[in-house]
């Protein structure tokens, strides 16, 4: 019983698809009712199309010329700006936005340390001269308060002085151990 229902469904589907295919193959719906264009009308249409193509090509050429001029003016304006500004825009904004830079305040030491860190850890592509120019520009434009700058220098001194103090202390301890247990040279 179930098999008969399946076979009947297949036969019905086949019949419907053949009917649809025949209906799609008939060309009655595709016949044109407009008369053919005479030669004069066809020539006018060709000329109108050619004129429109020529106008569009002219507009495209004018747009390209305006874009090139705007690009040239932008490049000139960009070249007139200081090196630090250009480098920050080219190199720093490759990884993060200007908003992040503008929200940050460091002293000279902090900006130089930041640029060195960006070069060494993050792979920022700056040579030594460019790194110096970027750090100085950022210090000039985004300078921290005087108290923050003093704190930066104190931190640097602590970082440098701590290993020196440790070395001196260990040297003194070694010297004290050797003198306490050393034999008396006069005896």
N, C-alpha and C. Protein backbone atom coordinates (compact mmCIF):
# COMPACT_ATOMS: atom_id res chain seq x y z
N UNK A 1 0.83 -1.19 0.00
CA UNK A 1 0.00 0.00 0.00
C UNK A 1 0.88 1.26 0.00
N UNK A 2 1.86 1.25 0.83
CA UNK A 2 2.75 2.40 0.92
C UNK A 2 3.54 2.56 -0.37
N UNK A 3 3.93 1.45 -0.95
CA UNK A 3 4.69 1.49 -2.19
C UNK A 3 3.86 2.09 -3.31
N UNK A 4 2.59 1.76 -3.36
CA UNK A 4 1.71 2.31 -4.39
C UNK A 4 1.57 3.82 -4.25
N UNK A 5 1.52 4.30 -3.05
CA UNK A 5 1.40 5.75 -2.81
C UNK A 5 2.66 6.47 -3.29
N UNK A 6 3.80 5.85 -3.05
CA UNK A 6 5.06 6.45 -3.49
C UNK A 6 5.11 6.48 -5.01
N UNK A 7 4.76 5.39 -5.65
CA UNK A 7 4.77 5.31 -7.11
C UNK A 7 3.79 6.33 -7.67
N UNK A 8 2.61 6.45 -7.10
CA UNK A 8 1.61 7.41 -7.58
C UNK A 8 2.13 8.83 -7.45
N UNK A 9 2.85 9.12 -6.35
CA UNK A 9 3.42 10.46 -6.16
C UNK A 9 4.47 10.77 -7.21
N UNK A 10 5.28 9.78 -7.53
CA UNK A 10 6.33 9.97 -8.54
C UNK A 10 5.70 10.20 -9.91
N UNK A 11 4.70 9.45 -10.24
CA UNK A 11 4.02 9.61 -11.53
C UNK A 11 3.37 10.99 -11.60
N UNK A 12 2.72 11.41 -10.56
CA UNK A 12 2.08 12.72 -10.54
C UNK A 12 3.10 13.84 -10.70
N UNK A 13 4.22 13.73 -9.98
CA UNK A 13 5.26 14.75 -10.06
C UNK A 13 5.85 14.81 -11.46
N UNK A 14 6.07 13.66 -12.06
CA UNK A 14 6.61 13.63 -13.43
C UNK A 14 5.65 14.27 -14.40
N UNK A 15 4.39 13.98 -14.27
CA UNK A 15 3.38 14.54 -15.17
C UNK A 15 3.34 16.06 -15.04
N UNK A 16 3.37 16.56 -13.82
CA UNK A 16 3.34 18.00 -13.61
C UNK A 16 4.58 18.68 -14.17
N UNK A 17 5.76 18.06 -13.96
CA UNK A 17 6.98 18.69 -14.45
C UNK A 17 7.04 18.71 -15.96
N UNK A 18 6.49 17.70 -16.62
CA UNK A 18 6.46 17.70 -18.09
C UNK A 18 5.53 18.80 -18.57
N UNK A 19 4.41 18.96 -17.92
CA UNK A 19 3.47 20.02 -18.30
C UNK A 19 4.09 21.39 -18.13
N UNK A 20 4.83 21.60 -17.05
CA UNK A 20 5.47 22.89 -16.81
C UNK A 20 6.54 23.13 -17.86
N UNK A 21 7.30 22.10 -18.19
CA UNK A 21 8.36 22.25 -19.20
C UNK A 21 7.76 22.62 -20.54
N UNK A 22 6.66 21.99 -20.92
CA UNK A 22 6.02 22.33 -22.19
C UNK A 22 5.52 23.76 -22.18
N UNK A 23 4.97 24.20 -21.07
CA UNK A 23 4.44 25.56 -20.98
C UNK A 23 5.58 26.57 -21.10
N UNK A 24 6.75 26.26 -20.53
CA UNK A 24 7.88 27.18 -20.61
C UNK A 24 8.48 27.21 -22.00
N UNK A 25 8.32 26.13 -22.75
CA UNK A 25 8.94 26.06 -24.07
C UNK A 25 8.13 26.80 -25.12
N UNK A 26 6.89 27.05 -24.90
CA UNK A 26 6.08 27.76 -25.88
C UNK A 26 6.52 29.20 -25.96
N UNK A 27 6.57 29.76 -27.16
CA UNK A 27 7.07 31.11 -27.33
C UNK A 27 5.97 32.14 -27.57
N UNK A 28 4.76 31.82 -27.27
CA UNK A 28 3.69 32.75 -27.48
C UNK A 28 3.86 34.01 -26.65
N UNK A 29 4.37 33.93 -25.44
CA UNK A 29 4.52 35.07 -24.57
C UNK A 29 5.71 35.95 -24.94
N UNK A 30 6.57 35.47 -25.84
CA UNK A 30 7.78 36.21 -26.16
C UNK A 30 7.67 37.02 -27.44
N UNK A 31 6.60 36.95 -28.08
CA UNK A 31 6.45 37.67 -29.35
C UNK A 31 6.42 39.17 -29.09
N UNK A 32 7.10 39.94 -29.96
CA UNK A 32 7.11 41.39 -29.80
C UNK A 32 5.97 41.98 -30.59
N UNK A 33 5.44 43.03 -30.05
CA UNK A 33 4.31 43.67 -30.73
C UNK A 33 4.72 45.00 -31.33
N UNK A 34 5.96 45.48 -31.03
CA UNK A 34 6.36 46.77 -31.57
C UNK A 34 6.93 46.57 -32.97
N UNK A 35 6.66 47.52 -33.84
CA UNK A 35 7.17 47.39 -35.21
C UNK A 35 8.68 47.63 -35.22
N UNK A 36 9.37 47.12 -36.20
CA UNK A 36 10.81 47.31 -36.34
C UNK A 36 11.10 48.79 -36.59
N UNK A 37 12.26 49.25 -36.10
CA UNK A 37 12.64 50.64 -36.30
C UNK A 37 13.07 50.84 -37.74
N UNK A 38 12.70 52.01 -38.28
CA UNK A 38 13.19 52.28 -39.64
C UNK A 38 14.64 52.75 -39.54
N UNK A 39 15.34 52.85 -40.61
CA UNK A 39 16.78 53.16 -40.64
C UNK A 39 17.06 54.52 -40.02
N UNK A 40 16.24 55.49 -40.29
CA UNK A 40 16.45 56.84 -39.75
C UNK A 40 16.31 56.86 -38.24
N UNK A 41 15.30 56.19 -37.71
CA UNK A 41 15.09 56.11 -36.27
C UNK A 41 16.23 55.34 -35.61
N UNK A 42 16.67 54.27 -36.22
CA UNK A 42 17.78 53.48 -35.68
C UNK A 42 19.05 54.32 -35.61
N UNK A 43 19.30 55.13 -36.63
CA UNK A 43 20.48 56.00 -36.64
C UNK A 43 20.40 57.04 -35.54
N UNK A 44 19.21 57.62 -35.31
CA UNK A 44 19.04 58.57 -34.21
C UNK A 44 19.32 57.91 -32.86
N UNK A 45 18.85 56.68 -32.66
CA UNK A 45 19.09 55.96 -31.41
C UNK A 45 20.59 55.70 -31.24
N UNK A 46 21.26 55.27 -32.32
CA UNK A 46 22.71 55.03 -32.25
C UNK A 46 23.46 56.31 -31.88
N UNK A 47 23.09 57.43 -32.51
CA UNK A 47 23.76 58.71 -32.21
C UNK A 47 23.52 59.14 -30.76
N UNK A 48 22.28 58.97 -30.29
CA UNK A 48 21.96 59.32 -28.92
C UNK A 48 22.77 58.47 -27.92
N UNK A 49 22.89 57.19 -28.21
CA UNK A 49 23.68 56.31 -27.35
C UNK A 49 25.16 56.71 -27.40
N UNK A 50 25.67 56.99 -28.60
CA UNK A 50 27.08 57.39 -28.73
C UNK A 50 27.34 58.70 -28.00
N UNK A 51 26.40 59.66 -28.10
CA UNK A 51 26.56 60.93 -27.38
C UNK A 51 26.55 60.71 -25.87
N UNK A 52 25.66 59.85 -25.41
CA UNK A 52 25.58 59.57 -23.98
C UNK A 52 26.86 58.89 -23.49
N UNK A 53 27.41 57.97 -24.26
CA UNK A 53 28.65 57.30 -23.90
C UNK A 53 29.79 58.31 -23.85
N UNK A 54 29.83 59.23 -24.83
CA UNK A 54 30.88 60.24 -24.86
C UNK A 54 30.77 61.18 -23.66
N UNK A 55 29.54 61.59 -23.31
CA UNK A 55 29.35 62.46 -22.15
C UNK A 55 29.77 61.75 -20.86
N UNK A 56 29.43 60.50 -20.74
CA UNK A 56 29.81 59.75 -19.54
C UNK A 56 31.33 59.60 -19.46
N UNK A 57 31.99 59.37 -20.58
CA UNK A 57 33.46 59.28 -20.60
C UNK A 57 34.06 60.62 -20.20
N UNK A 58 33.48 61.71 -20.67
CA UNK A 58 33.97 63.04 -20.32
C UNK A 58 33.78 63.30 -18.82
N UNK A 59 32.62 62.91 -18.28
CA UNK A 59 32.39 63.08 -16.85
C UNK A 59 33.38 62.24 -16.03
N UNK A 60 33.63 61.01 -16.48
CA UNK A 60 34.58 60.16 -15.77
C UNK A 60 35.98 60.76 -15.82
N UNK A 61 36.36 61.31 -16.96
CA UNK A 61 37.67 61.95 -17.09
C UNK A 61 37.76 63.16 -16.16
N UNK A 62 36.71 63.95 -16.09
CA UNK A 62 36.69 65.13 -15.22
C UNK A 62 36.76 64.72 -13.75
N UNK A 63 36.03 63.66 -13.38
CA UNK A 63 36.10 63.16 -12.00
C UNK A 63 37.52 62.70 -11.66
N UNK A 64 38.15 62.00 -12.58
CA UNK A 64 39.52 61.52 -12.35
C UNK A 64 40.48 62.70 -12.21
N UNK A 65 40.30 63.73 -13.02
CA UNK A 65 41.15 64.91 -12.94
C UNK A 65 40.97 65.62 -11.60
N UNK A 66 39.70 65.77 -11.16
CA UNK A 66 39.43 66.41 -9.87
C UNK A 66 40.00 65.59 -8.72
N UNK A 67 39.86 64.28 -8.78
CA UNK A 67 40.40 63.41 -7.73
C UNK A 67 41.92 63.51 -7.67
N UNK A 68 42.58 63.53 -8.83
CA UNK A 68 44.03 63.65 -8.86
C UNK A 68 44.48 65.00 -8.30
N UNK A 69 43.75 66.06 -8.62
CA UNK A 69 44.09 67.39 -8.11
C UNK A 69 43.89 67.45 -6.60
N UNK A 70 42.81 66.88 -6.11
CA UNK A 70 42.56 66.86 -4.67
C UNK A 70 43.64 66.05 -3.96
N UNK A 71 44.05 64.95 -4.55
CA UNK A 71 45.11 64.13 -3.96
C UNK A 71 46.43 64.88 -3.94
N UNK A 72 46.73 65.61 -5.01
CA UNK A 72 47.96 66.40 -5.07
C UNK A 72 47.95 67.48 -3.99
N UNK A 73 46.83 68.19 -3.85
CA UNK A 73 46.72 69.24 -2.83
C UNK A 73 46.84 68.66 -1.42
N UNK A 74 46.23 67.50 -1.20
CA UNK A 74 46.33 66.86 0.11
C UNK A 74 47.77 66.45 0.40
N UNK A 75 48.47 65.95 -0.61
CA UNK A 75 49.88 65.57 -0.41
C UNK A 75 50.74 66.79 -0.11
N UNK A 76 50.47 67.90 -0.79
CA UNK A 76 51.23 69.13 -0.52
C UNK A 76 50.96 69.63 0.91
N UNK A 77 49.70 69.60 1.32
CA UNK A 77 49.36 70.05 2.67
C UNK A 77 49.99 69.13 3.71
N UNK A 78 50.00 67.85 3.41
CA UNK A 78 50.59 66.88 4.32
C UNK A 78 52.10 67.08 4.43
N UNK A 79 52.75 67.35 3.31
CA UNK A 79 54.20 67.55 3.30
C UNK A 79 54.59 68.82 4.04
N UNK A 80 53.70 69.79 4.11
CA UNK A 80 54.00 71.05 4.79
C UNK A 80 53.94 70.92 6.32
N UNK A 81 53.31 69.85 6.81
CA UNK A 81 53.20 69.67 8.26
C UNK A 81 54.51 69.14 8.83
N UNK A 82 54.74 69.31 10.12
CA UNK A 82 55.99 68.85 10.75
C UNK A 82 56.18 67.34 10.63
N UNK A 83 57.44 66.92 10.66
CA UNK A 83 57.79 65.51 10.51
C UNK A 83 57.13 64.65 11.60
N UNK A 84 57.13 65.13 12.82
CA UNK A 84 56.53 64.36 13.92
C UNK A 84 55.07 64.05 13.69
N UNK A 85 54.33 65.02 13.20
CA UNK A 85 52.90 64.83 12.93
C UNK A 85 52.71 63.77 11.86
N UNK A 86 53.49 63.89 10.78
CA UNK A 86 53.36 62.92 9.68
C UNK A 86 53.72 61.51 10.14
N UNK A 87 54.79 61.40 10.93
CA UNK A 87 55.21 60.07 11.38
C UNK A 87 54.18 59.45 12.32
N UNK A 88 53.61 60.26 13.21
CA UNK A 88 52.58 59.72 14.12
C UNK A 88 51.40 59.22 13.30
N UNK A 89 50.98 59.99 12.31
CA UNK A 89 49.84 59.58 11.49
C UNK A 89 50.17 58.34 10.66
N UNK A 90 51.39 58.26 10.13
CA UNK A 90 51.75 57.12 9.28
C UNK A 90 52.04 55.86 10.09
N UNK A 91 52.84 56.01 11.12
CA UNK A 91 53.33 54.82 11.82
C UNK A 91 52.47 54.42 13.01
N UNK A 92 52.11 55.39 13.85
CA UNK A 92 51.39 55.06 15.09
C UNK A 92 49.95 54.65 14.82
N UNK A 93 49.30 55.33 13.88
CA UNK A 93 47.90 55.01 13.62
C UNK A 93 47.73 53.74 12.81
N UNK A 94 48.84 53.10 12.43
CA UNK A 94 48.73 51.80 11.76
C UNK A 94 48.18 50.76 12.73
N UNK A 95 48.43 50.95 14.03
CA UNK A 95 47.98 49.96 15.03
C UNK A 95 46.84 50.48 15.91
N UNK A 96 46.82 51.76 16.20
CA UNK A 96 45.75 52.28 17.06
C UNK A 96 45.41 53.70 16.63
N UNK A 97 44.25 54.15 17.04
CA UNK A 97 43.73 55.44 16.60
C UNK A 97 44.37 56.63 17.31
N UNK A 98 44.17 57.79 16.72
CA UNK A 98 44.69 59.02 17.31
C UNK A 98 44.04 59.32 18.66
N UNK A 99 42.81 58.86 18.86
CA UNK A 99 42.14 59.11 20.14
C UNK A 99 42.94 58.53 21.30
N UNK A 100 43.50 57.36 21.07
CA UNK A 100 44.28 56.71 22.14
C UNK A 100 45.54 57.53 22.46
N UNK A 101 46.18 58.04 21.42
CA UNK A 101 47.39 58.84 21.62
C UNK A 101 47.03 60.15 22.31
N UNK A 102 45.96 60.79 21.85
CA UNK A 102 45.56 62.08 22.41
C UNK A 102 45.13 61.97 23.86
N UNK A 103 44.66 60.80 24.27
CA UNK A 103 44.22 60.62 25.65
C UNK A 103 45.38 60.33 26.59
N UNK A 104 46.57 60.08 26.04
CA UNK A 104 47.73 59.70 26.86
C UNK A 104 48.60 60.92 27.13
N UNK A 105 49.10 61.00 28.34
CA UNK A 105 50.00 62.10 28.74
C UNK A 105 51.22 61.51 29.40
N UNK A 106 52.40 61.81 28.87
CA UNK A 106 53.67 61.43 29.46
C UNK A 106 54.61 62.61 29.39
N UNK A 107 55.66 62.50 30.14
CA UNK A 107 56.76 63.46 30.02
C UNK A 107 57.69 63.00 28.90
N UNK A 108 58.77 63.71 28.72
CA UNK A 108 59.73 63.38 27.66
C UNK A 108 60.23 61.94 27.84
N UNK A 109 60.60 61.58 29.04
CA UNK A 109 61.11 60.24 29.32
C UNK A 109 60.05 59.17 29.02
N UNK A 110 58.84 59.42 29.42
CA UNK A 110 57.75 58.47 29.19
C UNK A 110 57.48 58.24 27.72
N UNK A 111 57.48 59.33 26.93
CA UNK A 111 57.23 59.18 25.50
C UNK A 111 58.39 58.45 24.81
N UNK A 112 59.62 58.76 25.22
CA UNK A 112 60.75 58.04 24.61
C UNK A 112 60.69 56.56 24.98
N UNK A 113 60.37 56.27 26.23
CA UNK A 113 60.25 54.87 26.63
C UNK A 113 59.12 54.18 25.86
N UNK A 114 58.00 54.86 25.68
CA UNK A 114 56.87 54.29 24.94
C UNK A 114 57.26 53.98 23.50
N UNK A 115 57.96 54.91 22.85
CA UNK A 115 58.36 54.69 21.46
C UNK A 115 59.35 53.52 21.37
N UNK A 116 60.28 53.45 22.30
CA UNK A 116 61.23 52.32 22.31
C UNK A 116 60.48 51.01 22.52
N UNK A 117 59.54 51.01 23.45
CA UNK A 117 58.74 49.79 23.69
C UNK A 117 57.95 49.40 22.45
N UNK A 118 57.36 50.38 21.78
CA UNK A 118 56.61 50.08 20.56
C UNK A 118 57.51 49.48 19.49
N UNK A 119 58.74 49.97 19.42
CA UNK A 119 59.67 49.43 18.42
C UNK A 119 60.11 48.01 18.78
N UNK A 120 60.48 47.81 20.04
CA UNK A 120 61.04 46.52 20.43
C UNK A 120 59.99 45.44 20.64
N UNK A 121 58.92 45.78 21.31
CA UNK A 121 57.92 44.77 21.66
C UNK A 121 56.85 44.63 20.58
N UNK A 122 56.38 45.76 20.08
CA UNK A 122 55.25 45.72 19.14
C UNK A 122 55.67 45.76 17.67
N UNK A 123 56.95 45.97 17.40
CA UNK A 123 57.43 45.94 16.02
C UNK A 123 57.10 47.17 15.21
N UNK A 124 56.96 48.33 15.86
CA UNK A 124 56.69 49.57 15.11
C UNK A 124 57.88 49.85 14.19
N UNK A 125 57.59 50.19 12.96
CA UNK A 125 58.64 50.42 11.97
C UNK A 125 59.08 51.88 12.02
N UNK A 126 60.07 52.14 12.84
CA UNK A 126 60.65 53.48 12.98
C UNK A 126 62.16 53.32 13.07
N UNK A 127 62.90 54.12 12.31
CA UNK A 127 64.35 54.10 12.53
C UNK A 127 64.67 55.05 13.69
N UNK A 128 65.93 55.15 14.06
CA UNK A 128 66.29 55.92 15.25
C UNK A 128 65.88 57.39 15.15
N UNK A 129 66.14 58.01 14.01
CA UNK A 129 65.78 59.42 13.84
C UNK A 129 64.29 59.64 13.88
N UNK A 130 63.53 58.73 13.26
CA UNK A 130 62.08 58.85 13.27
C UNK A 130 61.53 58.64 14.68
N UNK A 131 62.10 57.69 15.41
CA UNK A 131 61.65 57.43 16.77
C UNK A 131 61.86 58.66 17.64
N UNK A 132 63.02 59.30 17.48
CA UNK A 132 63.30 60.52 18.25
C UNK A 132 62.29 61.61 17.89
N UNK A 133 62.03 61.79 16.59
CA UNK A 133 61.09 62.83 16.15
C UNK A 133 59.68 62.57 16.68
N UNK A 134 59.25 61.32 16.66
CA UNK A 134 57.92 60.97 17.16
C UNK A 134 57.83 61.25 18.66
N UNK A 135 58.83 60.80 19.42
CA UNK A 135 58.79 60.99 20.88
C UNK A 135 58.80 62.48 21.24
N UNK A 136 59.63 63.25 20.56
CA UNK A 136 59.68 64.69 20.85
C UNK A 136 58.37 65.38 20.47
N UNK A 137 57.81 65.01 19.34
CA UNK A 137 56.52 65.59 18.95
C UNK A 137 55.44 65.25 19.97
N UNK A 138 55.38 63.98 20.38
CA UNK A 138 54.36 63.58 21.35
C UNK A 138 54.57 64.29 22.69
N UNK A 139 55.83 64.50 23.06
CA UNK A 139 56.11 65.23 24.31
C UNK A 139 55.64 66.67 24.19
N UNK A 140 55.88 67.29 23.05
CA UNK A 140 55.47 68.68 22.86
C UNK A 140 53.95 68.85 22.85
N UNK A 141 53.26 67.89 22.25
CA UNK A 141 51.81 68.02 22.06
C UNK A 141 51.02 67.42 23.21
N UNK A 142 51.47 66.30 23.74
CA UNK A 142 50.72 65.56 24.77
C UNK A 142 51.58 65.42 26.02
N UNK A 143 51.91 66.53 26.60
CA UNK A 143 52.81 66.56 27.75
C UNK A 143 52.05 66.35 29.05
N UNK A 144 52.66 65.59 29.93
CA UNK A 144 52.06 65.33 31.25
C UNK A 144 52.36 66.50 32.18
N UNK A 145 51.74 66.47 33.32
CA UNK A 145 51.96 67.51 34.32
C UNK A 145 53.40 67.40 34.85
N UNK A 146 53.86 68.46 35.47
CA UNK A 146 55.22 68.50 36.00
C UNK A 146 55.42 67.42 37.06
N UNK A 147 54.43 67.20 37.90
CA UNK A 147 54.57 66.18 38.94
C UNK A 147 54.72 64.79 38.31
N UNK A 148 53.98 64.53 37.24
CA UNK A 148 54.11 63.24 36.55
C UNK A 148 55.51 63.10 35.94
N UNK A 149 56.02 64.17 35.35
CA UNK A 149 57.36 64.12 34.76
C UNK A 149 58.42 63.85 35.82
N UNK A 150 58.28 64.48 36.99
CA UNK A 150 59.23 64.23 38.08
C UNK A 150 59.12 62.77 38.53
N UNK A 151 57.92 62.26 38.60
CA UNK A 151 57.72 60.87 38.98
C UNK A 151 58.38 59.91 37.99
N UNK A 152 58.33 60.24 36.70
CA UNK A 152 59.00 59.42 35.69
C UNK A 152 60.51 59.35 35.96
N UNK A 153 61.12 60.49 36.26
CA UNK A 153 62.55 60.52 36.52
C UNK A 153 62.91 59.79 37.80
N UNK A 154 62.07 59.92 38.82
CA UNK A 154 62.32 59.18 40.06
C UNK A 154 62.25 57.68 39.80
N UNK A 155 61.28 57.26 39.02
CA UNK A 155 61.16 55.84 38.68
C UNK A 155 62.38 55.36 37.91
N UNK A 156 62.87 56.16 36.97
CA UNK A 156 64.07 55.80 36.22
C UNK A 156 65.26 55.66 37.16
N UNK A 157 65.42 56.62 38.06
CA UNK A 157 66.53 56.54 39.01
C UNK A 157 66.42 55.29 39.88
N UNK A 158 65.21 54.96 40.28
CA UNK A 158 65.02 53.75 41.09
C UNK A 158 65.38 52.50 40.30
N UNK A 159 64.99 52.47 39.04
CA UNK A 159 65.30 51.30 38.21
C UNK A 159 66.80 51.17 37.99
N UNK A 160 67.49 52.28 37.79
CA UNK A 160 68.93 52.25 37.57
C UNK A 160 69.67 52.04 38.88
N UNK A 161 69.24 52.69 39.94
CA UNK A 161 69.96 52.65 41.21
C UNK A 161 69.80 51.32 41.93
N UNK A 162 68.71 50.64 41.78
CA UNK A 162 68.48 49.39 42.51
C UNK A 162 69.52 48.33 42.17
N UNK A 163 69.79 48.01 40.92
CA UNK A 163 70.82 47.00 40.65
C UNK A 163 72.20 47.44 41.13
N UNK A 164 72.51 48.73 41.02
CA UNK A 164 73.80 49.23 41.49
C UNK A 164 73.91 49.04 43.00
N UNK A 165 72.85 49.37 43.72
CA UNK A 165 72.85 49.21 45.17
C UNK A 165 72.97 47.75 45.55
N UNK A 166 72.32 46.87 44.85
CA UNK A 166 72.40 45.43 45.14
C UNK A 166 73.82 44.93 44.91
N UNK A 167 74.44 45.36 43.81
CA UNK A 167 75.82 44.95 43.53
C UNK A 167 76.78 45.45 44.60
N UNK A 168 76.64 46.69 45.01
CA UNK A 168 77.50 47.24 46.05
C UNK A 168 77.33 46.50 47.37
N UNK A 169 76.08 46.21 47.74
CA UNK A 169 75.80 45.50 48.97
C UNK A 169 76.41 44.10 48.94
N UNK A 170 76.23 43.40 47.85
CA UNK A 170 76.79 42.05 47.77
C UNK A 170 78.32 42.09 47.78
N UNK A 171 78.92 43.10 47.16
CA UNK A 171 80.37 43.26 47.18
C UNK A 171 80.87 43.51 48.60
N UNK A 172 80.17 44.35 49.34
CA UNK A 172 80.55 44.65 50.73
C UNK A 172 80.44 43.39 51.61
N UNK A 173 79.37 42.63 51.40
CA UNK A 173 79.19 41.40 52.18
C UNK A 173 80.31 40.41 51.89
N UNK A 174 80.66 40.25 50.61
CA UNK A 174 81.77 39.37 50.28
C UNK A 174 83.06 39.85 50.90
N UNK A 175 83.26 41.17 50.82
CA UNK A 175 84.48 41.74 51.41
C UNK A 175 84.50 41.54 52.92
N UNK A 176 83.37 41.69 53.59
CA UNK A 176 83.29 41.51 55.04
C UNK A 176 83.56 40.06 55.42
N UNK A 177 83.05 39.09 54.63
CA UNK A 177 83.27 37.67 54.93
C UNK A 177 84.73 37.30 54.77
N UNK A 178 85.37 37.83 53.77
CA UNK A 178 86.77 37.46 53.54
C UNK A 178 87.68 38.08 54.58
N UNK A 179 87.38 39.26 55.07
CA UNK A 179 88.24 39.88 56.08
C UNK A 179 88.04 39.27 57.45
N UNK A 180 86.85 38.78 57.80
CA UNK A 180 86.59 38.21 59.10
C UNK A 180 87.32 36.87 59.23
N UNK A 181 87.27 36.05 58.23
CA UNK A 181 87.86 34.71 58.33
C UNK A 181 89.27 34.64 57.79
N UNK A 182 89.85 35.75 57.39
CA UNK A 182 91.19 35.72 56.81
C UNK A 182 92.25 35.64 57.90
N UNK A 183 93.33 34.92 57.65
CA UNK A 183 94.41 34.85 58.64
C UNK A 183 95.15 36.19 58.72
N UNK A 184 95.68 36.48 59.88
CA UNK A 184 96.38 37.73 60.10
C UNK A 184 97.75 37.63 59.42
N UNK A 185 98.08 38.53 58.48
CA UNK A 185 99.34 38.42 57.76
C UNK A 185 100.55 38.71 58.66
N UNK A 186 100.44 39.37 59.81
CA UNK A 186 101.56 39.70 60.68
C UNK A 186 101.87 38.58 61.65
N UNK A 187 101.02 37.64 61.85
CA UNK A 187 101.24 36.62 62.85
C UNK A 187 102.15 35.51 62.35
